[in-house]
Amino acid sequence: MNSLTAKTYSYYFLLPAGIIYFIFFLLPTILSFFFSMTWWSLTDWKFIGLENFKTFLSEPSLNIGFKNTVIYAVVTCVLKVVLGLLLGVFLSQRLRSVGFIRSMIFFPTLLSTIAVGIAFSMMMHPTQGMINAALSIIGIAGPDWLGDTQIALLSVALVDVWKGIGMATVIFIAGIMSIPQDYYEALMIDGGNGWNKFWSIILPLSRPAMNTVIILAFIGGLRSFDLVWSMTKGGPGFTTDLIASIIYKQYQAGFYGLSTAGNVILFLLVSMLAFPLYAYLNRKEVDL
């Protein structure tokens, strides 16, 4: 078998994955762009050009949804990075029962997002919820976590962080554990302390792990829907509406073409924000 034949033969092993990728990703993406320019139902469709995009962009609650989406993505991303890094540093040490602690922190990641949303919506009930009941024991009057327009979005974001912190921690642990021990030994010889270890070794050398957490958390925040919908359905009013929940409301109302256009807009928004961030983080990583 010559080299050209061997090279061609090796591509055959990629063919099954390529077919699956085309059917479940590329084809639906292409069809979404097409159907976003149509009025369609399950049995009929009619091409209407860019009317769906004009209608969606003129949606009164879109400005609120866009602002909430960016705030939600930034808050959840920052908290997952900071808390994940701190937990990653702590759980990279030789501690008793460290495996059990890691399992407990990662466990919420395995739970259904809808189940988590329903459970926390009950726990955050202003009068019957477990959280306010616990606060009342120490003399603190708990707020209406999901009914107060000032804190409802932040309350949902904190639940998102609780559920996703396990994945961020695991990624940071992997990055920290991959740092060669030679760096720590050299620091000890120079008389460095724990702060020097964190600031001079762990923080810069775990940059690839940090970049991964930032990208995943930020994209996940921009695309978030199921947790917000299961906890508040965008309320009270429109204070926790995200772009994804606005899209779903259009779909519920039977405006399938309009909701498809919203999905295309969300896809473009995520791309315009995520790709420059990815390029910037990679450039900073190379500069180290």
Protein backbone atom coordinates (compact mmCIF):
# COMPACT_ATOMS: atom_id res chain seq x y z
CA MET A 1 0.00 0.00 0.00
CA ASN A 2 1.57 3.30 -1.12
CA SER A 3 1.50 6.48 0.96
CA LEU A 4 -1.31 8.09 -1.07
CA THR A 5 -3.54 5.05 -0.70
CA ALA A 6 -2.79 4.84 3.02
CA LYS A 7 -3.63 8.51 3.46
CA THR A 8 -6.93 8.08 1.59
CA TYR A 9 -7.72 4.93 3.55
CA SER A 10 -7.21 6.76 6.86
CA TYR A 11 -9.92 9.25 5.92
CA TYR A 12 -12.44 6.42 5.84
CA PHE A 13 -12.18 6.19 9.64
CA LEU A 14 -13.31 9.84 9.87
CA LEU A 15 -16.31 9.23 7.63
CA PRO A 16 -18.77 7.95 10.34
CA ALA A 17 -18.00 10.90 12.62
CA GLY A 18 -18.24 13.27 9.65
CA ILE A 19 -21.67 11.93 8.68
CA ILE A 20 -22.98 12.26 12.24
CA TYR A 21 -21.56 15.80 12.48
CA PHE A 22 -23.20 16.77 9.19
CA ILE A 23 -26.61 15.31 10.07
CA PHE A 24 -26.86 16.60 13.62
CA PHE A 25 -24.97 19.92 13.37
CA LEU A 26 -24.23 21.27 9.89
CA LEU A 27 -27.54 20.33 8.27
CA PRO A 28 -29.75 21.74 11.09
CA THR A 29 -27.64 24.92 11.12
CA ILE A 30 -28.06 25.43 7.38
CA LEU A 31 -31.80 24.69 7.59
CA SER A 32 -32.14 27.13 10.50
CA PHE A 33 -30.74 29.96 8.38
CA PHE A 34 -33.19 29.07 5.62
CA PHE A 35 -36.30 28.65 7.79
CA SER A 36 -35.49 31.87 9.67
CA MET A 37 -36.48 33.64 6.46
CA THR A 38 -39.80 31.85 6.14
CA TRP A 39 -43.19 31.63 7.76
CA TRP A 40 -43.50 27.93 8.49
CA SER A 41 -45.56 25.34 10.28
CA LEU A 42 -45.27 21.58 10.48
CA THR A 43 -47.06 21.20 7.14
CA ASP A 44 -46.36 24.37 5.14
CA TRP A 45 -43.90 27.21 4.64
CA LYS A 46 -43.65 30.51 2.78
CA PHE A 47 -40.53 32.57 2.09
CA ILE A 48 -40.76 36.09 3.59
CA GLY A 49 -37.15 37.28 3.48
CA LEU A 50 -35.83 39.24 6.47
CA GLU A 51 -39.22 40.05 7.99
CA ASN A 52 -38.69 37.65 10.91
CA PHE A 53 -35.41 39.35 11.80
CA LYS A 54 -37.00 42.80 11.66
CA THR A 55 -39.88 41.66 13.86
CA PHE A 56 -37.62 39.94 16.38
CA LEU A 57 -35.24 42.89 16.64
CA SER A 58 -38.21 45.20 17.24
CA GLU A 59 -39.42 43.04 20.15
CA PRO A 60 -40.01 45.42 23.12
CA SER A 61 -38.37 43.09 25.64
CA LEU A 62 -35.30 42.36 23.49
CA ASN A 63 -33.21 45.17 25.00
CA ILE A 64 -33.92 43.82 28.48
CA GLY A 65 -33.17 40.27 27.31
CA PHE A 66 -29.88 41.30 25.72
CA LYS A 67 -28.75 43.19 28.83
CA ASN A 68 -29.79 40.33 31.12
CA THR A 69 -28.02 37.78 28.93
CA VAL A 70 -24.71 39.67 29.02
CA ILE A 71 -24.97 40.32 32.78
CA TYR A 72 -25.87 36.69 33.45
CA ALA A 73 -22.98 35.40 31.32
CA VAL A 74 -20.42 37.73 32.91
CA VAL A 75 -21.54 37.08 36.50
CA THR A 76 -21.63 33.30 36.15
CA CYS A 77 -18.33 33.24 34.23
CA VAL A 78 -16.44 35.37 36.77
CA LEU A 79 -17.75 33.44 39.78
CA LYS A 80 -17.00 30.05 38.20
CA VAL A 81 -13.46 31.12 37.35
CA VAL A 82 -12.68 32.63 40.76
CA LEU A 83 -14.35 29.96 42.90
CA GLY A 84 -13.20 27.14 40.63
CA LEU A 85 -9.60 28.33 40.86
CA LEU A 86 -9.71 28.61 44.67
CA LEU A 87 -11.32 25.19 45.03
CA GLY A 88 -8.89 23.75 42.50
CA VAL A 89 -5.91 25.02 44.50
CA PHE A 90 -7.39 23.72 47.75
CA LEU A 91 -8.29 20.30 46.37
CA SER A 92 -4.91 19.85 44.68
CA GLN A 93 -3.31 19.49 48.11
CA ARG A 94 -2.78 16.21 49.91
CA LEU A 95 -5.78 16.27 52.20
CA ARG A 96 -7.67 13.58 54.06
CA SER A 97 -10.82 12.54 52.17
CA VAL A 98 -9.88 14.78 49.23
CA GLY A 99 -11.50 12.31 46.82
CA PHE A 100 -14.81 12.49 48.68
CA ILE A 101 -14.74 16.30 48.73
CA ARG A 102 -14.01 16.41 45.00
CA SER A 103 -16.94 14.08 44.37
CA MET A 104 -19.31 16.23 46.42
CA ILE A 105 -18.28 19.39 44.57
CA PHE A 106 -18.63 17.72 41.17
CA PHE A 107 -21.94 16.00 42.02
CA PRO A 108 -24.24 18.99 41.15
CA THR A 109 -22.86 18.93 37.60
CA LEU A 110 -24.46 15.50 37.11
CA LEU A 111 -27.92 16.64 38.16
CA SER A 112 -30.66 17.57 35.73
CA THR A 113 -30.79 21.34 35.24
CA ILE A 114 -34.59 21.33 35.30
CA ALA A 115 -34.62 19.34 38.55
CA VAL A 116 -32.13 21.78 40.10
CA GLY A 117 -34.24 24.74 38.99
CA ILE A 118 -37.45 23.31 40.45
CA ALA A 119 -35.73 22.35 43.72
CA PHE A 120 -34.16 25.77 44.22
CA SER A 121 -37.37 27.60 43.27
CA MET A 122 -39.01 25.81 46.20
CA MET A 123 -36.03 26.39 48.51
CA MET A 124 -36.06 30.11 47.63
CA HIS A 125 -39.78 30.56 48.35
CA PRO A 126 -40.08 33.75 50.46
CA THR A 127 -42.27 32.23 53.23
CA GLN A 128 -42.01 28.44 52.93
CA GLY A 129 -38.53 28.03 51.49
CA MET A 130 -35.72 26.27 53.31
CA ILE A 131 -33.22 29.11 52.75
CA ASN A 132 -35.31 31.82 54.41
CA ALA A 133 -36.29 29.41 57.17
CA ALA A 134 -32.61 28.84 57.93
CA LEU A 135 -31.91 32.59 57.87
CA SER A 136 -34.79 33.25 60.25
CA ILE A 137 -33.16 30.99 62.85
CA ILE A 138 -30.26 33.44 63.13
CA GLY A 139 -32.55 36.46 63.04
CA ILE A 140 -32.21 37.44 59.38
CA ALA A 141 -35.31 38.18 57.31
CA GLY A 142 -34.65 36.57 53.95
CA PRO A 143 -35.68 38.37 50.76
CA ASP A 144 -38.02 37.22 48.04
CA TRP A 145 -35.20 35.66 46.04
CA LEU A 146 -37.11 35.13 42.80
CA GLY A 147 -39.86 37.74 43.21
CA ASP A 148 -37.69 40.80 43.90
CA THR A 149 -36.82 42.50 40.61
CA GLN A 150 -33.51 43.71 42.06
CA ILE A 151 -32.06 40.29 42.90
CA ALA A 152 -34.04 37.72 40.87
CA LEU A 153 -31.48 37.48 38.05
CA LEU A 154 -28.59 37.28 40.51
CA SER A 155 -30.39 34.53 42.45
CA VAL A 156 -30.70 32.39 39.33
CA ALA A 157 -27.06 33.12 38.44
CA LEU A 158 -25.91 31.89 41.86
CA VAL A 159 -27.78 28.62 41.35
CA ASP A 160 -26.09 28.29 37.95
CA VAL A 161 -22.71 28.79 39.62
CA TRP A 162 -23.53 26.18 42.27
CA LYS A 163 -24.39 23.66 39.57
CA GLY A 164 -21.44 24.42 37.28
CA ILE A 165 -18.63 25.03 39.78
CA GLY A 166 -17.76 21.32 39.84
CA MET A 167 -16.74 21.23 36.19
CA ALA A 168 -14.64 24.38 36.57
CA THR A 169 -12.94 22.90 39.64
CA VAL A 170 -12.09 19.65 37.86
CA ILE A 171 -10.53 21.55 34.95
CA PHE A 172 -8.46 23.67 37.33
CA ILE A 173 -7.35 20.61 39.30
CA ALA A 174 -6.16 18.97 36.07
CA GLY A 175 -4.25 22.12 35.10
CA ILE A 176 -2.64 22.55 38.53
CA MET A 177 -1.70 18.87 38.86
CA SER A 178 0.07 19.02 35.49
CA ILE A 179 2.53 21.67 36.73
CA PRO A 180 5.99 20.05 37.17
CA GLN A 181 7.16 19.73 40.77
CA ASP A 182 10.52 21.28 39.82
CA TYR A 183 8.95 24.74 39.97
CA TYR A 184 7.77 24.22 43.54
CA GLU A 185 11.15 22.84 44.61
CA ALA A 186 12.96 25.83 43.12
CA LEU A 187 10.57 28.18 44.93
CA MET A 188 11.21 26.43 48.25
CA ILE A 189 14.96 26.77 47.75
CA ASP A 190 14.46 30.51 47.17
CA GLY A 191 12.45 30.77 50.38
CA GLY A 192 9.07 31.34 48.80
CA ASN A 193 5.84 31.02 50.79
CA GLY A 194 2.32 29.87 49.94
CA TRP A 195 1.35 33.19 48.38
CA ASN A 196 4.46 33.15 46.15
CA LYS A 197 3.56 29.61 45.12
CA PHE A 198 0.08 30.68 44.07
CA TRP A 199 0.99 33.99 42.43
CA SER A 200 4.24 33.02 40.70
CA ILE A 201 3.61 29.40 39.73
CA ILE A 202 0.00 28.23 39.94
CA LEU A 203 -1.71 31.31 38.52
CA PRO A 204 0.43 31.78 35.37
CA LEU A 205 0.97 28.09 34.64
CA SER A 206 -2.73 27.22 34.99
CA ARG A 207 -3.62 29.79 32.33
CA PRO A 208 -4.66 27.13 29.74
CA ALA A 209 -7.13 25.66 32.25
CA MET A 210 -8.41 29.13 33.12
CA ASN A 211 -8.93 29.98 29.46
CA THR A 212 -10.94 26.78 29.00
CA VAL A 213 -13.16 27.58 31.99
CA ILE A 214 -13.69 31.17 30.80
CA ILE A 215 -14.76 30.13 27.31
CA LEU A 216 -17.05 27.31 28.47
CA ALA A 217 -18.65 29.36 31.25
CA PHE A 218 -19.14 32.46 29.09
CA ILE A 219 -20.70 30.57 26.18
CA GLY A 220 -22.84 28.57 28.59
CA GLY A 221 -24.08 31.79 30.19
CA LEU A 222 -24.98 33.35 26.84
CA ARG A 223 -26.92 30.24 25.80
CA SER A 224 -28.57 29.59 29.17
CA PHE A 225 -32.27 28.88 29.14
CA ASP A 226 -33.46 25.81 31.03
CA LEU A 227 -32.43 26.94 34.52
CA VAL A 228 -33.97 30.40 34.13
CA TRP A 229 -37.17 29.01 32.65
CA SER A 230 -37.63 26.36 35.34
CA MET A 231 -37.10 28.91 38.13
CA THR A 232 -38.75 32.15 36.96
CA LYS A 233 -40.02 31.76 33.36
CA GLY A 234 -38.45 35.16 32.74
CA GLY A 235 -40.29 36.90 35.58
CA PRO A 236 -41.12 38.84 37.56
CA GLY A 237 -42.12 40.85 34.54
CA PHE A 238 -39.18 40.66 32.16
CA THR A 239 -36.46 41.05 34.79
CA THR A 240 -34.92 37.59 34.25
CA ASP A 241 -35.75 37.23 30.57
CA LEU A 242 -32.77 36.10 28.52
CA ILE A 243 -32.59 36.03 24.74
CA ALA A 244 -33.17 32.27 24.82
CA SER A 245 -36.33 32.62 26.92
CA ILE A 246 -37.67 35.30 24.56
CA ILE A 247 -37.10 32.88 21.69
CA TYR A 248 -38.97 30.13 23.53
CA LYS A 249 -41.93 32.41 24.22
CA GLN A 250 -42.19 33.10 20.48
CA TYR A 251 -42.10 29.37 19.83
CA GLN A 252 -44.83 28.77 22.43
CA ALA A 253 -47.00 31.34 20.69
CA GLY A 254 -46.70 29.43 17.42
CA PHE A 255 -44.34 31.86 15.65
CA TYR A 256 -41.91 29.19 14.52
CA GLY A 257 -40.18 31.22 11.84
CA LEU A 258 -39.77 34.14 14.25
CA SER A 259 -38.27 31.92 16.94
CA THR A 260 -35.93 30.38 14.36
CA ALA A 261 -34.75 33.86 13.42
CA GLY A 262 -34.14 34.52 17.11
CA ASN A 263 -32.01 31.39 17.31
CA VAL A 264 -29.94 32.58 14.36
CA ILE A 265 -29.47 35.97 16.04
CA LEU A 266 -28.41 34.25 19.27
CA PHE A 267 -25.97 32.07 17.33
CA LEU A 268 -24.44 35.15 15.70
CA LEU A 269 -24.29 36.97 19.06
CA VAL A 270 -22.49 34.08 20.75
CA SER A 271 -20.07 33.85 17.83
CA MET A 272 -19.33 37.58 17.80
CA LEU A 273 -18.58 37.59 21.52
CA ALA A 274 -16.94 34.18 21.98
CA PHE A 275 -14.53 34.05 19.04
CA PRO A 276 -12.79 37.39 19.78
CA LEU A 277 -12.56 36.37 23.44
CA TYR A 278 -11.08 33.01 22.45
CA ALA A 279 -8.52 34.70 20.18
CA TYR A 280 -7.59 37.20 22.91
CA LEU A 281 -7.12 34.53 25.55
CA ASN A 282 -5.02 32.39 23.22
CA ARG A 283 -2.81 35.37 22.40
CA LYS A 284 -2.32 36.10 26.11
CA GLU A 285 -1.49 32.44 26.68
CA VAL A 286 1.21 32.51 23.97
CA ASP A 287 2.68 35.71 25.45
CA LEU A 288 3.40 34.00 28.78
